[in-house]
Amino acid sequence: MFHRFDEAIQAVVGQIVSQTDDLCRRIDHTVHDEDDFTSRMADRIERSVDGVLVGGIRWKVITRKLPWRGAKSEESRFGADLGLVLRMSGRGFDVSKGYLIQAKMVPAFSLDMMNSAPITKNDRVFDQCRKMLGVTQESYVWFYSQTGISILRAGSMVEIDPSRIPEMRRQSLHGFMARAFMSWNGDYKFGDLSKDSLESVIEERLVKQAILIHATEARAEE
Protein backbone atom coordinates (compact mmCIF):
# COMPACT_ATOMS: atom_id res chain seq x y z
CA MET A 1 0.00 0.00 0.00
CA PHE A 2 2.82 2.44 0.88
CA HIS A 3 5.72 0.95 -1.04
CA ARG A 4 7.04 4.38 -1.99
CA PHE A 5 7.84 4.85 1.69
CA ASP A 6 9.74 1.57 1.86
CA GLU A 7 13.01 3.25 2.93
CA ALA A 8 11.39 4.97 5.89
CA ILE A 9 9.36 1.92 6.92
CA GLN A 10 12.31 -0.46 6.72
CA ALA A 11 14.47 1.91 8.75
CA VAL A 12 11.93 2.26 11.53
CA VAL A 13 11.02 -1.43 11.56
CA GLY A 14 14.73 -2.24 11.78
CA GLN A 15 15.04 0.06 14.78
CA ILE A 16 12.03 -1.56 16.48
CA VAL A 17 13.44 -5.04 15.89
CA SER A 18 16.89 -4.03 17.15
CA GLN A 19 15.46 -2.62 20.36
CA THR A 20 13.22 -5.65 20.87
CA ASP A 21 15.97 -8.18 20.18
CA ASP A 22 18.14 -6.50 22.81
CA LEU A 23 15.25 -6.69 25.26
CA CYS A 24 14.73 -10.38 24.47
CA ARG A 25 18.35 -11.10 25.40
CA ARG A 26 17.58 -9.70 28.87
CA ILE A 27 14.82 -12.24 29.56
CA ASP A 28 15.57 -14.18 32.76
CA HIS A 29 18.14 -11.53 33.70
CA THR A 30 16.46 -8.14 34.06
CA VAL A 31 13.14 -9.01 32.36
CA HIS A 32 11.02 -11.57 34.18
CA ASP A 33 7.43 -11.52 32.87
CA GLU A 34 5.21 -10.53 29.95
CA ASP A 35 3.94 -7.28 31.47
CA ASP A 36 7.46 -6.11 32.18
CA PHE A 37 8.59 -7.00 28.66
CA THR A 38 5.62 -5.32 26.95
CA SER A 39 5.96 -2.15 29.00
CA ARG A 40 9.70 -1.91 28.34
CA MET A 41 9.21 -2.64 24.64
CA ALA A 42 6.65 0.15 24.26
CA ASP A 43 8.96 2.55 26.10
CA ARG A 44 11.93 1.64 23.92
CA ILE A 45 9.92 2.09 20.73
CA GLU A 46 8.72 5.49 21.90
CA ARG A 47 12.22 6.67 22.86
CA SER A 48 13.92 5.37 19.70
CA VAL A 49 11.29 6.22 17.05
CA ASP A 50 9.36 9.26 18.28
CA GLY A 51 10.43 12.41 16.43
CA VAL A 52 12.53 10.58 13.81
CA LEU A 53 12.51 11.99 10.26
CA VAL A 54 13.62 9.48 7.63
CA GLY A 55 12.82 8.88 3.96
CA GLY A 56 10.37 11.77 3.82
CA ILE A 57 8.37 10.47 6.79
CA ARG A 58 8.18 11.96 10.26
CA TRP A 59 7.37 9.47 13.02
CA LYS A 60 5.43 10.04 16.22
CA VAL A 61 4.89 7.45 18.96
CA ILE A 62 2.43 7.66 21.85
CA THR A 63 2.10 4.99 24.52
CA ARG A 64 -0.44 4.60 27.30
CA LYS A 65 -0.81 2.01 30.05
CA LEU A 66 -3.86 1.44 32.21
CA PRO A 67 -3.32 1.48 35.97
CA TRP A 68 -3.01 -2.18 36.99
CA ARG A 69 -1.74 -3.75 40.19
CA GLY A 70 -1.73 -7.39 39.19
CA ALA A 71 -4.68 -8.78 41.14
CA LYS A 72 -5.94 -11.95 39.50
CA SER A 73 -9.53 -10.69 39.53
CA GLU A 74 -8.43 -7.60 37.65
CA GLU A 75 -6.08 -9.45 35.32
CA SER A 76 -8.98 -11.60 34.08
CA ARG A 77 -10.70 -8.47 32.71
CA PHE A 78 -8.13 -7.93 30.01
CA GLY A 79 -8.43 -9.53 26.62
CA ALA A 80 -4.99 -8.49 25.38
CA ASP A 81 -1.65 -7.27 26.65
CA LEU A 82 -1.12 -4.73 23.88
CA GLY A 83 -3.16 -2.74 21.41
CA LEU A 84 -0.95 -1.73 18.46
CA VAL A 85 -2.19 1.03 16.16
CA LEU A 86 -0.41 2.16 13.01
CA ARG A 87 -1.38 5.37 11.24
CA MET A 88 -0.09 6.68 7.91
CA SER A 89 -0.95 10.26 6.96
CA GLY A 90 -0.07 12.35 3.92
CA ARG A 91 -1.44 14.25 0.98
CA GLY A 92 -4.55 12.39 -0.12
CA PHE A 93 -4.44 9.60 2.47
CA ASP A 94 -4.97 9.01 6.17
CA VAL A 95 -5.05 5.33 7.11
CA SER A 96 -5.29 4.07 10.68
CA LYS A 97 -5.63 0.43 11.71
CA GLY A 98 -4.93 -1.75 14.67
CA TYR A 99 -4.09 -5.15 16.10
CA LEU A 100 -4.55 -6.92 19.43
CA ILE A 101 -1.58 -8.77 20.86
CA GLN A 102 -1.24 -11.30 23.66
CA ALA A 103 2.27 -11.77 25.02
CA LYS A 104 3.60 -15.15 26.06
CA MET A 105 7.08 -15.67 27.46
CA VAL A 106 8.54 -19.10 26.71
CA PRO A 107 11.90 -20.89 26.95
CA ALA A 108 14.42 -20.01 24.28
CA PHE A 109 13.78 -21.43 20.84
CA SER A 110 14.83 -20.55 17.32
CA LEU A 111 12.33 -18.70 15.16
CA ASP A 112 13.15 -21.15 12.38
CA MET A 113 13.55 -24.35 14.38
CA MET A 114 10.79 -24.49 16.99
CA ASN A 115 10.62 -28.25 17.53
CA SER A 116 8.56 -28.62 20.70
CA ALA A 117 5.32 -27.12 21.99
CA PRO A 118 6.10 -23.92 23.95
CA ILE A 119 2.86 -24.17 25.99
CA THR A 120 0.39 -26.77 27.31
CA LYS A 121 -3.31 -27.15 26.53
CA ASN A 122 -4.19 -25.62 29.91
CA ASP A 123 -2.32 -22.40 29.27
CA ARG A 124 -4.48 -19.29 29.74
CA VAL A 125 -3.25 -17.91 26.42
CA PHE A 126 -6.01 -19.90 24.68
CA ASP A 127 -8.72 -18.11 26.66
CA GLN A 128 -7.02 -14.81 25.94
CA CYS A 129 -7.08 -15.62 22.22
CA ARG A 130 -10.84 -16.17 22.38
CA LYS A 131 -11.30 -12.86 24.16
CA MET A 132 -9.27 -11.02 21.54
CA LEU A 133 -11.11 -12.69 18.68
CA GLY A 134 -14.36 -11.50 20.24
CA VAL A 135 -13.10 -7.99 19.45
CA THR A 136 -11.23 -8.46 16.17
CA GLN A 137 -9.85 -11.12 13.86
CA GLU A 138 -6.64 -9.10 13.74
CA SER A 139 -5.43 -10.74 16.93
CA TYR A 140 -2.03 -12.31 17.47
CA VAL A 141 0.12 -14.10 20.03
CA TRP A 142 3.69 -12.89 20.37
CA PHE A 143 5.94 -15.58 21.87
CA TYR A 144 8.89 -13.90 23.59
CA SER A 145 12.12 -15.77 24.24
CA GLN A 146 15.81 -14.96 24.55
CA THR A 147 16.22 -15.63 20.84
CA GLY A 148 13.54 -13.20 19.66
CA ILE A 149 9.82 -12.99 18.95
CA SER A 150 7.75 -15.50 17.00
CA ILE A 151 4.22 -14.49 16.02
CA LEU A 152 1.11 -16.62 15.43
CA ARG A 153 -2.43 -15.62 14.54
CA ALA A 154 -4.82 -16.04 17.46
CA GLY A 155 -7.45 -17.47 15.13
CA SER A 156 -5.11 -20.33 14.24
CA MET A 157 -4.44 -21.20 17.86
CA VAL A 158 -7.86 -21.49 19.50
CA GLU A 159 -8.71 -24.97 18.22
CA ILE A 160 -5.27 -26.46 17.77
CA ASP A 161 -3.49 -29.00 19.96
CA PRO A 162 -0.36 -27.32 21.42
CA SER A 163 1.79 -30.15 20.09
CA ARG A 164 1.07 -28.87 16.58
CA ILE A 165 2.25 -25.32 17.24
CA PRO A 166 5.76 -26.05 15.89
CA GLU A 167 4.12 -26.94 12.55
CA MET A 168 2.22 -23.66 12.28
CA ARG A 169 3.22 -20.81 10.02
CA ARG A 170 4.92 -18.13 12.10
CA GLN A 171 6.06 -14.60 11.46
CA SER A 172 9.11 -12.74 12.67
CA LEU A 173 8.62 -9.33 14.24
CA HIS A 174 10.29 -7.70 11.23
CA GLY A 175 7.95 -9.46 8.82
CA PHE A 176 4.88 -8.65 10.89
CA MET A 177 5.67 -4.94 11.28
CA ALA A 178 6.76 -4.41 7.68
CA ARG A 179 3.61 -6.05 6.32
CA ALA A 180 1.46 -4.15 8.80
CA PHE A 181 2.76 -0.83 7.48
CA MET A 182 2.80 -1.72 3.80
CA SER A 183 -0.37 -3.79 3.32
CA TRP A 184 -4.14 -3.48 3.70
CA ASN A 185 -4.36 -5.88 6.63
CA GLY A 186 -5.36 -4.64 10.07
CA ASP A 187 -8.61 -3.68 11.77
CA TYR A 188 -9.77 -0.24 10.68
CA LYS A 189 -12.16 0.06 13.63
CA PHE A 190 -9.06 0.84 15.66
CA GLY A 191 -8.71 4.09 13.76
CA ASP A 192 -10.49 5.72 16.68
CA LEU A 193 -7.42 5.03 18.77
CA SER A 194 -5.51 7.70 16.86
CA LYS A 195 -8.27 10.30 17.17
CA ASP A 196 -9.58 9.85 20.73
CA SER A 197 -7.65 9.42 23.96
CA LEU A 198 -5.76 6.16 24.17
CA GLU A 199 -6.94 5.73 27.74
CA SER A 200 -10.65 5.59 26.91
CA VAL A 201 -10.26 3.28 23.95
CA ILE A 202 -8.01 0.73 25.66
CA GLU A 203 -10.48 0.68 28.53
CA GLU A 204 -13.26 -0.19 26.07
CA ARG A 205 -11.11 -2.85 24.33
CA LEU A 206 -9.89 -4.27 27.65
CA VAL A 207 -6.25 -3.83 26.68
CA LYS A 208 -3.55 -3.36 29.30
CA GLN A 209 -1.39 -1.10 27.19
CA ALA A 210 -1.57 0.69 23.84
CA ILE A 211 0.99 2.08 21.45
CA LEU A 212 0.28 4.36 18.49
CA ILE A 213 2.92 4.70 15.78
CA HIS A 214 2.01 7.58 13.47
CA ALA A 215 3.92 8.18 10.24
CA THR A 216 3.29 11.51 8.49
CA GLU A 217 4.55 12.45 5.03
CA ALA A 218 6.85 15.37 5.74
CA ARG A 219 5.67 17.50 2.79
CA ALA A 220 2.08 17.15 4.02
CA GLU A 221 3.12 19.13 7.10
CA GLU A 222 4.07 22.12 4.96
C-alpha atoms as a PDB file:
ATOM      1  CA  MET A   1       0.000   0.000   0.000  1.00  0.00           C
ATOM      2  CA  PHE A   2       2.816   2.439   0.879  1.00  0.00           C
ATOM      3  CA  HIS A   3       5.716   0.955  -1.043  1.00  0.00           C
ATOM      4  CA  ARG A   4       7.039   4.384  -1.993  1.00  0.00           C
ATOM      5  CA  PHE A   5       7.839   4.846   1.694  1.00  0.00           C
ATOM      6  CA  ASP A   6       9.742   1.570   1.863  1.00  0.00           C
ATOM      7  CA  GLU A   7      13.007   3.250   2.933  1.00  0.00           C
ATOM      8  CA  ALA A   8      11.388   4.970   5.894  1.00  0.00           C
ATOM      9  CA  ILE A   9       9.355   1.924   6.920  1.00  0.00           C
ATOM     10  CA  GLN A  10      12.306  -0.460   6.717  1.00  0.00           C
ATOM     11  CA  ALA A  11      14.474   1.915   8.748  1.00  0.00           C
ATOM     12  CA  VAL A  12      11.925   2.262  11.532  1.00  0.00           C
ATOM     13  CA  VAL A  13      11.019  -1.430  11.562  1.00  0.00           C
ATOM     14  CA  GLY A  14      14.726  -2.237  11.776  1.00  0.00           C
ATOM     15  CA  GLN A  15      15.044   0.058  14.785  1.00  0.00           C
ATOM     16  CA  ILE A  16      12.030  -1.557  16.480  1.00  0.00           C
ATOM     17  CA  VAL A  17      13.442  -5.041  15.890  1.00  0.00           C
ATOM     18  CA  SER A  18      16.887  -4.030  17.146  1.00  0.00           C
ATOM     19  CA  GLN A  19      15.457  -2.623  20.363  1.00  0.00           C
ATOM     20  CA  THR A  20      13.217  -5.647  20.868  1.00  0.00           C
ATOM     21  CA  ASP A  21      15.975  -8.184  20.181  1.00  0.00           C
ATOM     22  CA  ASP A  22      18.138  -6.495  22.811  1.00  0.00           C
ATOM     23  CA  LEU A  23      15.254  -6.691  25.263  1.00  0.00           C
ATOM     24  CA  CYS A  24      14.733 -10.383  24.472  1.00  0.00           C
ATOM     25  CA  ARG A  25      18.352 -11.099  25.400  1.00  0.00           C
ATOM     26  CA  ARG A  26      17.583  -9.704  28.866  1.00  0.00           C
ATOM     27  CA  ILE A  27      14.820 -12.241  29.556  1.00  0.00           C
ATOM     28  CA  ASP A  28      15.568 -14.177  32.759  1.00  0.00           C
ATOM     29  CA  HIS A  29      18.141 -11.530  33.701  1.00  0.00           C
ATOM     30  CA  THR A  30      16.461  -8.140  34.065  1.00  0.00           C
ATOM     31  CA  VAL A  31      13.141  -9.009  32.364  1.00  0.00           C
ATOM     32  CA  HIS A  32      11.017 -11.572  34.180  1.00  0.00           C
ATOM     33  CA  ASP A  33       7.429 -11.523  32.872  1.00  0.00           C
ATOM     34  CA  GLU A  34       5.208 -10.529  29.954  1.00  0.00           C
ATOM     35  CA  ASP A  35       3.938  -7.284  31.465  1.00  0.00           C
ATOM     36  CA  ASP A  36       7.462  -6.106  32.178  1.00  0.00           C
ATOM     37  CA  PHE A  37       8.590  -6.999  28.660  1.00  0.00           C
ATOM     38  CA  THR A  38       5.617  -5.321  26.953  1.00  0.00           C
ATOM     39  CA  SER A  39       5.964  -2.154  28.998  1.00  0.00           C
ATOM     40  CA  ARG A  40       9.695  -1.912  28.336  1.00  0.00           C
ATOM     41  CA  MET A  41       9.213  -2.638  24.641  1.00  0.00           C
ATOM     42  CA  ALA A  42       6.652   0.155  24.261  1.00  0.00           C
ATOM     43  CA  ASP A  43       8.956   2.547  26.099  1.00  0.00           C
ATOM     44  CA  ARG A  44      11.929   1.640  23.922  1.00  0.00           C
ATOM     45  CA  ILE A  45       9.917   2.090  20.729  1.00  0.00           C
ATOM     46  CA  GLU A  46       8.721   5.492  21.901  1.00  0.00           C
ATOM     47  CA  ARG A  47      12.216   6.667  22.861  1.00  0.00           C
ATOM     48  CA  SER A  48      13.924   5.375  19.702  1.00  0.00           C
ATOM     49  CA  VAL A  49      11.292   6.219  17.051  1.00  0.00           C
ATOM     50  CA  ASP A  50       9.359   9.255  18.284  1.00  0.00           C
ATOM     51  CA  GLY A  51      10.428  12.406  16.426  1.00  0.00           C
ATOM     52  CA  VAL A  52      12.525  10.580  13.814  1.00  0.00           C
ATOM     53  CA  LEU A  53      12.513  11.988  10.255  1.00  0.00           C
ATOM     54  CA  VAL A  54      13.624   9.477   7.634  1.00  0.00           C
ATOM     55  CA  GLY A  55      12.820   8.878   3.956  1.00  0.00           C
ATOM     56  CA  GLY A  56      10.372  11.774   3.823  1.00  0.00           C
ATOM     57  CA  ILE A  57       8.372  10.467   6.788  1.00  0.00           C
ATOM     58  CA  ARG A  58       8.176  11.958  10.264  1.00  0.00           C
ATOM     59  CA  TRP A  59       7.365   9.467  13.022  1.00  0.00           C
ATOM     60  CA  LYS A  60       5.428  10.037  16.223  1.00  0.00           C
ATOM     61  CA  VAL A  61       4.894   7.449  18.962  1.00  0.00           C
ATOM     62  CA  ILE A  62       2.432   7.664  21.851  1.00  0.00           C
ATOM     63  CA  THR A  63       2.098   4.987  24.525  1.00  0.00           C
ATOM     64  CA  ARG A  64      -0.440   4.597  27.301  1.00  0.00           C
ATOM     65  CA  LYS A  65      -0.810   2.011  30.053  1.00  0.00           C
ATOM     66  CA  LEU A  66      -3.861   1.438  32.208  1.00  0.00           C
ATOM     67  CA  PRO A  67      -3.323   1.476  35.966  1.00  0.00           C
ATOM     68  CA  TRP A  68      -3.012  -2.177  36.991  1.00  0.00           C
ATOM     69  CA  ARG A  69      -1.743  -3.746  40.194  1.00  0.00           C
ATOM     70  CA  GLY A  70      -1.725  -7.390  39.190  1.00  0.00           C
ATOM     71  CA  ALA A  71      -4.678  -8.776  41.144  1.00  0.00           C
ATOM     72  CA  LYS A  72      -5.943 -11.951  39.501  1.00  0.00           C
ATOM     73  CA  SER A  73      -9.526 -10.693  39.531  1.00  0.00           C
ATOM     74  CA  GLU A  74      -8.434  -7.602  37.646  1.00  0.00           C
ATOM     75  CA  GLU A  75      -6.084  -9.452  35.323  1.00  0.00           C
ATOM     76  CA  SER A  76      -8.984 -11.596  34.078  1.00  0.00           C
ATOM     77  CA  ARG A  77     -10.695  -8.474  32.709  1.00  0.00           C
ATOM     78  CA  PHE A  78      -8.135  -7.926  30.014  1.00  0.00           C
ATOM     79  CA  GLY A  79      -8.429  -9.525  26.620  1.00  0.00           C
ATOM     80  CA  ALA A  80      -4.991  -8.493  25.382  1.00  0.00           C
ATOM     81  CA  ASP A  81      -1.647  -7.271  26.646  1.00  0.00           C
ATOM     82  CA  LEU A  82      -1.121  -4.731  23.880  1.00  0.00           C
ATOM     83  CA  GLY A  83      -3.160  -2.735  21.410  1.00  0.00           C
ATOM     84  CA  LEU A  84      -0.953  -1.727  18.464  1.00  0.00           C
ATOM     85  CA  VAL A  85      -2.190   1.030  16.158  1.00  0.00           C
ATOM     86  CA  LEU A  86      -0.415   2.161  13.005  1.00  0.00           C
ATOM     87  CA  ARG A  87      -1.376   5.371  11.236  1.00  0.00           C
ATOM     88  CA  MET A  88      -0.093   6.681   7.905  1.00  0.00           C
ATOM     89  CA  SER A  89      -0.948  10.262   6.960  1.00  0.00           C
ATOM     90  CA  GLY A  90      -0.069  12.353   3.923  1.00  0.00           C
ATOM     91  CA  ARG A  91      -1.438  14.246   0.984  1.00  0.00           C
ATOM     92  CA  GLY A  92      -4.547  12.391  -0.117  1.00  0.00           C
ATOM     93  CA  PHE A  93      -4.438   9.601   2.468  1.00  0.00           C
ATOM     94  CA  ASP A  94      -4.970   9.014   6.174  1.00  0.00           C
ATOM     95  CA  VAL A  95      -5.049   5.328   7.111  1.00  0.00           C
ATOM     96  CA  SER A  96      -5.292   4.069  10.676  1.00  0.00           C
ATOM     97  CA  LYS A  97      -5.634   0.431  11.710  1.00  0.00           C
ATOM     98  CA  GLY A  98      -4.926  -1.750  14.670  1.00  0.00           C
ATOM     99  CA  TYR A  99      -4.087  -5.147  16.104  1.00  0.00           C
ATOM    100  CA  LEU A 100      -4.548  -6.917  19.429  1.00  0.00           C
ATOM    101  CA  ILE A 101      -1.582  -8.768  20.858  1.00  0.00           C
ATOM    102  CA  GLN A 102      -1.244 -11.304  23.661  1.00  0.00           C
ATOM    103  CA  ALA A 103       2.273 -11.766  25.017  1.00  0.00           C
ATOM    104  CA  LYS A 104       3.601 -15.149  26.064  1.00  0.00           C
ATOM    105  CA  MET A 105       7.078 -15.667  27.462  1.00  0.00           C
ATOM    106  CA  VAL A 106       8.536 -19.099  26.708  1.00  0.00           C
ATOM    107  CA  PRO A 107      11.898 -20.891  26.953  1.00  0.00           C
ATOM    108  CA  ALA A 108      14.420 -20.009  24.284  1.00  0.00           C
ATOM    109  CA  PHE A 109      13.785 -21.427  20.837  1.00  0.00           C
ATOM    110  CA  SER A 110      14.825 -20.551  17.317  1.00  0.00           C
ATOM    111  CA  LEU A 111      12.329 -18.696  15.161  1.00  0.00           C
ATOM    112  CA  ASP A 112      13.145 -21.152  12.381  1.00  0.00           C
ATOM    113  CA  MET A 113      13.554 -24.346  14.375  1.00  0.00           C
ATOM    114  CA  MET A 114      10.792 -24.491  16.987  1.00  0.00           C
ATOM    115  CA  ASN A 115      10.616 -28.248  17.534  1.00  0.00           C
ATOM    116  CA  SER A 116       8.556 -28.616  20.703  1.00  0.00           C
ATOM    117  CA  ALA A 117       5.323 -27.121  21.994  1.00  0.00           C
ATOM    118  CA  PRO A 118       6.095 -23.920  23.948  1.00  0.00           C
ATOM    119  CA  ILE A 119       2.855 -24.170  25.986  1.00  0.00           C
ATOM    120  CA  THR A 120       0.394 -26.769  27.306  1.00  0.00           C
ATOM    121  CA  LYS A 121      -3.306 -27.149  26.527  1.00  0.00           C
ATOM    122  CA  ASN A 122      -4.185 -25.621  29.913  1.00  0.00           C
ATOM    123  CA  ASP A 123      -2.324 -22.402  29.274  1.00  0.00           C
ATOM    124  CA  ARG A 124      -4.479 -19.285  29.744  1.00  0.00           C
ATOM    125  CA  VAL A 125      -3.250 -17.910  26.416  1.00  0.00           C
ATOM    126  CA  PHE A 126      -6.007 -19.901  24.677  1.00  0.00           C
ATOM    127  CA  ASP A 127      -8.720 -18.110  26.663  1.00  0.00           C
ATOM    128  CA  GLN A 128      -7.019 -14.809  25.936  1.00  0.00           C
ATOM    129  CA  CYS A 129      -7.077 -15.624  22.222  1.00  0.00           C
ATOM    130  CA  ARG A 130     -10.838 -16.174  22.378  1.00  0.00           C
ATOM    131  CA  LYS A 131     -11.300 -12.857  24.158  1.00  0.00           C
ATOM    132  CA  MET A 132      -9.268 -11.017  21.538  1.00  0.00           C
ATOM    133  CA  LEU A 133     -11.108 -12.693  18.684  1.00  0.00           C
ATOM    134  CA  GLY A 134     -14.356 -11.496  20.236  1.00  0.00           C
ATOM    135  CA  VAL A 135     -13.103  -7.990  19.445  1.00  0.00           C
ATOM    136  CA  THR A 136     -11.232  -8.456  16.171  1.00  0.00           C
ATOM    137  CA  GLN A 137      -9.853 -11.121  13.859  1.00  0.00           C
ATOM    138  CA  GLU A 138      -6.645  -9.096  13.741  1.00  0.00           C
ATOM    139  CA  SER A 139      -5.428 -10.741  16.932  1.00  0.00           C
ATOM    140  CA  TYR A 140      -2.026 -12.309  17.465  1.00  0.00           C
ATOM    141  CA  VAL A 141       0.123 -14.096  20.027  1.00  0.00           C
ATOM    142  CA  TRP A 142       3.694 -12.894  20.368  1.00  0.00           C
ATOM    143  CA  PHE A 143       5.944 -15.578  21.866  1.00  0.00           C
ATOM    144  CA  TYR A 144       8.887 -13.897  23.593  1.00  0.00           C
ATOM    145  CA  SER A 145      12.120 -15.765  24.236  1.00  0.00           C
ATOM    146  CA  GLN A 146      15.808 -14.959  24.551  1.00  0.00           C
ATOM    147  CA  THR A 147      16.215 -15.625  20.840  1.00  0.00           C
ATOM    148  CA  GLY A 148      13.537 -13.204  19.660  1.00  0.00           C
ATOM    149  CA  ILE A 149       9.818 -12.992  18.955  1.00  0.00           C
ATOM    150  CA  SER A 150       7.754 -15.501  17.002  1.00  0.00           C
ATOM    151  CA  ILE A 151       4.221 -14.488  16.022  1.00  0.00           C
ATOM    152  CA  LEU A 152       1.114 -16.623  15.435  1.00  0.00           C
ATOM    153  CA  ARG A 153      -2.429 -15.619  14.539  1.00  0.00           C
ATOM    154  CA  ALA A 154      -4.822 -16.038  17.463  1.00  0.00           C
ATOM    155  CA  GLY A 155      -7.452 -17.473  15.128  1.00  0.00           C
ATOM    156  CA  SER A 156      -5.111 -20.332  14.239  1.00  0.00           C
ATOM    157  CA  MET A 157      -4.444 -21.203  17.858  1.00  0.00           C
ATOM    158  CA  VAL A 158      -7.857 -21.485  19.502  1.00  0.00           C
ATOM    159  CA  GLU A 159      -8.711 -24.966  18.219  1.00  0.00           C
ATOM    160  CA  ILE A 160      -5.266 -26.462  17.774  1.00  0.00           C
ATOM    161  CA  ASP A 161      -3.491 -28.998  19.960  1.00  0.00           C
ATOM    162  CA  PRO A 162      -0.364 -27.319  21.423  1.00  0.00           C
ATOM    163  CA  SER A 163       1.789 -30.153  20.086  1.00  0.00           C
ATOM    164  CA  ARG A 164       1.075 -28.872  16.581  1.00  0.00           C
ATOM    165  CA  ILE A 165       2.250 -25.318  17.239  1.00  0.00           C
ATOM    166  CA  PRO A 166       5.761 -26.045  15.889  1.00  0.00           C
ATOM    167  CA  GLU A 167       4.124 -26.936  12.550  1.00  0.00           C
ATOM    168  CA  MET A 168       2.224 -23.657  12.280  1.00  0.00           C
ATOM    169  CA  ARG A 169       3.222 -20.813  10.021  1.00  0.00           C
ATOM    170  CA  ARG A 170       4.924 -18.133  12.095  1.00  0.00           C
ATOM    171  CA  GLN A 171       6.061 -14.598  11.460  1.00  0.00           C
ATOM    172  CA  SER A 172       9.108 -12.736  12.671  1.00  0.00           C
ATOM    173  CA  LEU A 173       8.621  -9.331  14.239  1.00  0.00           C
ATOM    174  CA  HIS A 174      10.289  -7.703  11.233  1.00  0.00           C
ATOM    175  CA  GLY A 175       7.946  -9.459   8.816  1.00  0.00           C
ATOM    176  CA  PHE A 176       4.878  -8.648  10.887  1.00  0.00           C
ATOM    177  CA  MET A 177       5.668  -4.941  11.284  1.00  0.00           C
ATOM    178  CA  ALA A 178       6.765  -4.414   7.680  1.00  0.00           C
ATOM    179  CA  ARG A 179       3.611  -6.051   6.316  1.00  0.00           C
ATOM    180  CA  ALA A 180       1.457  -4.149   8.798  1.00  0.00           C
ATOM    181  CA  PHE A 181       2.758  -0.832   7.483  1.00  0.00           C
ATOM    182  CA  MET A 182       2.795  -1.720   3.803  1.00  0.00           C
ATOM    183  CA  SER A 183      -0.373  -3.794   3.319  1.00  0.00           C
ATOM    184  CA  TRP A 184      -4.136  -3.479   3.701  1.00  0.00           C
ATOM    185  CA  ASN A 185      -4.361  -5.883   6.629  1.00  0.00           C
ATOM    186  CA  GLY A 186      -5.356  -4.641  10.071  1.00  0.00           C
ATOM    187  CA  ASP A 187      -8.613  -3.679  11.771  1.00  0.00           C
ATOM    188  CA  TYR A 188      -9.769  -0.240  10.684  1.00  0.00           C
ATOM    189  CA  LYS A 189     -12.157   0.056  13.633  1.00  0.00           C
ATOM    190  CA  PHE A 190      -9.061   0.838  15.657  1.00  0.00           C
ATOM    191  CA  GLY A 191      -8.714   4.090  13.755  1.00  0.00           C
ATOM    192  CA  ASP A 192     -10.495   5.722  16.680  1.00  0.00           C
ATOM    193  CA  LEU A 193      -7.425   5.035  18.767  1.00  0.00           C
ATOM    194  CA  SER A 194      -5.513   7.695  16.860  1.00  0.00           C
ATOM    195  CA  LYS A 195      -8.271  10.296  17.174  1.00  0.00           C
ATOM    196  CA  ASP A 196      -9.576   9.848  20.730  1.00  0.00           C
ATOM    197  CA  SER A 197      -7.651   9.417  23.956  1.00  0.00           C
ATOM    198  CA  LEU A 198      -5.757   6.160  24.174  1.00  0.00           C
ATOM    199  CA  GLU A 199      -6.944   5.725  27.740  1.00  0.00           C
ATOM    200  CA  SER A 200     -10.649   5.593  26.912  1.00  0.00           C
ATOM    201  CA  VAL A 201     -10.261   3.279  23.950  1.00  0.00           C
ATOM    202  CA  ILE A 202      -8.012   0.733  25.661  1.00  0.00           C
ATOM    203  CA  GLU A 203     -10.482   0.684  28.529  1.00  0.00           C
ATOM    204  CA  GLU A 204     -13.258  -0.194  26.066  1.00  0.00           C
ATOM    205  CA  ARG A 205     -11.107  -2.845  24.333  1.00  0.00           C
ATOM    206  CA  LEU A 206      -9.890  -4.271  27.651  1.00  0.00           C
ATOM    207  CA  VAL A 207      -6.252  -3.833  26.675  1.00  0.00           C
ATOM    208  CA  LYS A 208      -3.548  -3.361  29.305  1.00  0.00           C
ATOM    209  CA  GLN A 209      -1.392  -1.096  27.190  1.00  0.00           C
ATOM    210  CA  ALA A 210      -1.568   0.687  23.841  1.00  0.00           C
ATOM    211  CA  ILE A 211       0.986   2.076  21.447  1.00  0.00           C
ATOM    212  CA  LEU A 212       0.280   4.357  18.495  1.00  0.00           C
ATOM    213  CA  ILE A 213       2.921   4.703  15.784  1.00  0.00           C
ATOM    214  CA  HIS A 214       2.013   7.576  13.468  1.00  0.00           C
ATOM    215  CA  ALA A 215       3.918   8.183  10.236  1.00  0.00           C
ATOM    216  CA  THR A 216       3.292  11.511   8.488  1.00  0.00           C
ATOM    217  CA  GLU A 217       4.548  12.450   5.035  1.00  0.00           C
ATOM    218  CA  ALA A 218       6.846  15.374   5.736  1.00  0.00           C
ATOM    219  CA  ARG A 219       5.673  17.498   2.792  1.00  0.00           C
ATOM    220  CA  ALA A 220       2.083  17.152   4.024  1.00  0.00           C
ATOM    221  CA  GLU A 221       3.120  19.132   7.098  1.00  0.00           C
ATOM    222  CA  GLU A 222       4.071  22.122   4.963  1.00  0.00           C
END
